[in-house]
Amino acid sequence: MTFKPAIWYPIAAVLSVINLVGAGFAVGQAEPGHAAIHVALAGAFGLWAQRLRPRRGGSELQPGLEALEALEAEVSKLRQELSEAQERLDFAERLLAQGPEARRVDPQR
């Protein structure tokens, strides 16, 4: 069984709110130690909820298998395009290295 932030986020948020309410009741009954514990728990659950919160439009830090395969395909395509560009550059360099006489289309004129 894996840890699912989508399930634990609302749980952590609710626990934070419950502890804030508990801190209010503890303060109302003049129990500062009890209230301090509830405040600390509310803060801890709040930070945990913030860390588990789903991010909008962003991908996770570890891309899935599909994203990795898409990146590999893109890199392969870029390598192919680079290879073609290098071949064209080599061809252009060979043409420029030849003299002007050898580049003529019709040498009889």
C-alpha atoms as a PDB file:
ATOM      1  CA  MET A   1       0.000   0.000   0.000  1.00  0.00           C
ATOM      2  CA  THR A   2       1.416   3.380  -0.989  1.00  0.00           C
ATOM      3  CA  PHE A   3       1.167   6.757   0.706  1.00  0.00           C
ATOM      4  CA  LYS A   4      -1.414   8.891  -1.103  1.00  0.00           C
ATOM      5  CA  PRO A   5      -1.147  12.641  -0.429  1.00  0.00           C
ATOM      6  CA  ALA A   6      -4.572  13.202  -1.994  1.00  0.00           C
ATOM      7  CA  ILE A   7      -6.149  11.199   0.832  1.00  0.00           C
ATOM      8  CA  TRP A   8      -3.997  12.531   3.691  1.00  0.00           C
ATOM      9  CA  TYR A   9      -4.222  16.245   2.793  1.00  0.00           C
ATOM     10  CA  PRO A  10      -7.862  16.684   3.909  1.00  0.00           C
ATOM     11  CA  ILE A  11      -7.213  14.567   7.003  1.00  0.00           C
ATOM     12  CA  ALA A  12      -4.274  16.778   8.044  1.00  0.00           C
ATOM     13  CA  ALA A  13      -6.283  19.942   7.361  1.00  0.00           C
ATOM     14  CA  VAL A  14      -9.222  18.721   9.461  1.00  0.00           C
ATOM     15  CA  LEU A  15      -6.915  17.687  12.317  1.00  0.00           C
ATOM     16  CA  SER A  16      -5.348  21.154  12.251  1.00  0.00           C
ATOM     17  CA  VAL A  17      -8.738  22.846  12.486  1.00  0.00           C
ATOM     18  CA  ILE A  18      -9.898  20.497  15.274  1.00  0.00           C
ATOM     19  CA  ASN A  19      -6.782  21.316  17.302  1.00  0.00           C
ATOM     20  CA  LEU A  20      -7.321  25.049  16.812  1.00  0.00           C
ATOM     21  CA  VAL A  21     -10.850  24.684  18.136  1.00  0.00           C
ATOM     22  CA  GLY A  22      -9.505  22.577  21.015  1.00  0.00           C
ATOM     23  CA  ALA A  23      -6.976  25.317  21.790  1.00  0.00           C
ATOM     24  CA  GLY A  24      -9.831  27.821  21.963  1.00  0.00           C
ATOM     25  CA  PHE A  25     -11.742  25.665  24.441  1.00  0.00           C
ATOM     26  CA  ALA A  26      -8.589  25.083  26.531  1.00  0.00           C
ATOM     27  CA  VAL A  27      -7.938  28.827  26.704  1.00  0.00           C
ATOM     28  CA  GLY A  28     -11.602  29.358  27.679  1.00  0.00           C
ATOM     29  CA  GLN A  29     -11.164  26.978  30.618  1.00  0.00           C
ATOM     30  CA  ALA A  30      -7.921  28.692  31.697  1.00  0.00           C
ATOM     31  CA  GLU A  31      -5.636  25.756  30.927  1.00  0.00           C
ATOM     32  CA  PRO A  32      -2.573  27.324  29.233  1.00  0.00           C
ATOM     33  CA  GLY A  33      -0.529  24.088  29.051  1.00  0.00           C
ATOM     34  CA  HIS A  34      -3.386  22.212  27.440  1.00  0.00           C
ATOM     35  CA  ALA A  35      -3.958  25.110  25.000  1.00  0.00           C
ATOM     36  CA  ALA A  36      -0.248  25.215  24.109  1.00  0.00           C
ATOM     37  CA  ILE A  37      -0.303  21.520  23.201  1.00  0.00           C
ATOM     38  CA  HIS A  38      -3.331  22.060  20.944  1.00  0.00           C
ATOM     39  CA  VAL A  39      -1.663  25.065  19.276  1.00  0.00           C
ATOM     40  CA  ALA A  40       1.504  23.047  18.665  1.00  0.00           C
ATOM     41  CA  LEU A  41      -0.496  20.143  17.203  1.00  0.00           C
ATOM     42  CA  ALA A  42      -2.530  22.531  15.039  1.00  0.00           C
ATOM     43  CA  GLY A  43       0.683  24.061  13.702  1.00  0.00           C
ATOM     44  CA  ALA A  44       2.233  20.664  13.003  1.00  0.00           C
ATOM     45  CA  PHE A  45      -0.854  19.365  11.203  1.00  0.00           C
ATOM     46  CA  GLY A  46      -1.130  22.651   9.310  1.00  0.00           C
ATOM     47  CA  LEU A  47       2.445  22.413   8.073  1.00  0.00           C
ATOM     48  CA  TRP A  48       1.918  18.795   7.088  1.00  0.00           C
ATOM     49  CA  ALA A  49      -1.271  19.710   5.214  1.00  0.00           C
ATOM     50  CA  GLN A  50       0.565  22.493   3.412  1.00  0.00           C
ATOM     51  CA  ARG A  51       3.281  20.067   2.351  1.00  0.00           C
ATOM     52  CA  LEU A  52       0.705  17.552   1.099  1.00  0.00           C
ATOM     53  CA  ARG A  53      -1.361  20.177  -0.733  1.00  0.00           C
ATOM     54  CA  PRO A  54      -1.735  19.374  -4.441  1.00  0.00           C
ATOM     55  CA  ARG A  55      -0.023  21.915  -6.668  1.00  0.00           C
ATOM     56  CA  ARG A  56      -1.870  23.495  -9.564  1.00  0.00           C
ATOM     57  CA  GLY A  57      -0.618  22.847 -13.074  1.00  0.00           C
ATOM     58  CA  GLY A  58       2.722  21.577 -11.857  1.00  0.00           C
ATOM     59  CA  SER A  59       4.094  18.148 -12.347  1.00  0.00           C
ATOM     60  CA  GLU A  60       5.502  16.125  -9.523  1.00  0.00           C
ATOM     61  CA  LEU A  61       9.213  16.108  -8.865  1.00  0.00           C
ATOM     62  CA  GLN A  62       9.617  12.586 -10.163  1.00  0.00           C
ATOM     63  CA  PRO A  63       8.184  12.289 -13.663  1.00  0.00           C
ATOM     64  CA  GLY A  64       6.235   9.182 -14.490  1.00  0.00           C
ATOM     65  CA  LEU A  65       7.251   6.578 -17.007  1.00  0.00           C
ATOM     66  CA  GLU A  66       5.292   8.300 -19.776  1.00  0.00           C
ATOM     67  CA  ALA A  67       7.069  11.607 -19.203  1.00  0.00           C
ATOM     68  CA  LEU A  68      10.435   9.852 -19.224  1.00  0.00           C
ATOM     69  CA  GLU A  69       9.624   8.085 -22.488  1.00  0.00           C
ATOM     70  CA  ALA A  70       8.504  11.377 -24.038  1.00  0.00           C
ATOM     71  CA  LEU A  71      11.799  12.997 -23.011  1.00  0.00           C
ATOM     72  CA  GLU A  72      13.787  10.098 -24.474  1.00  0.00           C
ATOM     73  CA  ALA A  73      11.871  10.392 -27.760  1.00  0.00           C
ATOM     74  CA  GLU A  74      12.517  14.138 -27.888  1.00  0.00           C
ATOM     75  CA  VAL A  75      16.241  13.658 -27.211  1.00  0.00           C
ATOM     76  CA  SER A  76      16.396  11.026 -29.944  1.00  0.00           C
ATOM     77  CA  LYS A  77      14.700  13.408 -32.386  1.00  0.00           C
ATOM     78  CA  LEU A  78      17.102  16.219 -31.459  1.00  0.00           C
ATOM     79  CA  ARG A  79      20.081  13.906 -31.989  1.00  0.00           C
ATOM     80  CA  GLN A  80      18.778  12.985 -35.454  1.00  0.00           C
ATOM     81  CA  GLU A  81      18.297  16.659 -36.366  1.00  0.00           C
ATOM     82  CA  LEU A  82      21.794  17.497 -35.112  1.00  0.00           C
ATOM     83  CA  SER A  83      23.280  14.683 -37.176  1.00  0.00           C
ATOM     84  CA  GLU A  84      21.501  15.962 -40.306  1.00  0.00           C
ATOM     85  CA  ALA A  85      22.686  19.521 -39.642  1.00  0.00           C
ATOM     86  CA  GLN A  86      26.288  18.290 -39.253  1.00  0.00           C
ATOM     87  CA  GLU A  87      26.052  16.399 -42.572  1.00  0.00           C
ATOM     88  CA  ARG A  88      24.770  19.531 -44.329  1.00  0.00           C
ATOM     89  CA  LEU A  89      27.551  21.608 -42.792  1.00  0.00           C
ATOM     90  CA  ASP A  90      30.167  19.091 -43.973  1.00  0.00           C
ATOM     91  CA  PHE A  91      28.681  19.189 -47.479  1.00  0.00           C
ATOM     92  CA  ALA A  92      28.743  22.990 -47.527  1.00  0.00           C
ATOM     93  CA  GLU A  93      32.360  23.011 -46.332  1.00  0.00           C
ATOM     94  CA  ARG A  94      33.370  20.580 -49.089  1.00  0.00           C
ATOM     95  CA  LEU A  95      31.672  22.760 -51.699  1.00  0.00           C
ATOM     96  CA  LEU A  96      33.410  25.886 -50.409  1.00  0.00           C
ATOM     97  CA  ALA A  97      36.764  24.090 -50.327  1.00  0.00           C
ATOM     98  CA  GLN A  98      36.502  23.353 -54.058  1.00  0.00           C
ATOM     99  CA  GLY A  99      37.698  26.040 -56.410  1.00  0.00           C
ATOM    100  CA  PRO A 100      35.256  28.216 -58.374  1.00  0.00           C
ATOM    101  CA  GLU A 101      36.029  26.220 -61.534  1.00  0.00           C
ATOM    102  CA  ALA A 102      34.879  22.931 -60.034  1.00  0.00           C
ATOM    103  CA  ARG A 103      31.564  24.386 -58.846  1.00  0.00           C
ATOM    104  CA  ARG A 104      30.360  25.371 -62.312  1.00  0.00           C
ATOM    105  CA  VAL A 105      27.348  23.474 -63.628  1.00  0.00           C
ATOM    106  CA  ASP A 106      28.330  23.543 -67.300  1.00  0.00           C
ATOM    107  CA  PRO A 107      32.143  23.482 -67.634  1.00  0.00           C
ATOM    108  CA  GLN A 108      32.065  23.890 -71.487  1.00  0.00           C
ATOM    109  CA  ARG A 109      30.931  27.530 -71.490  1.00  0.00           C
END
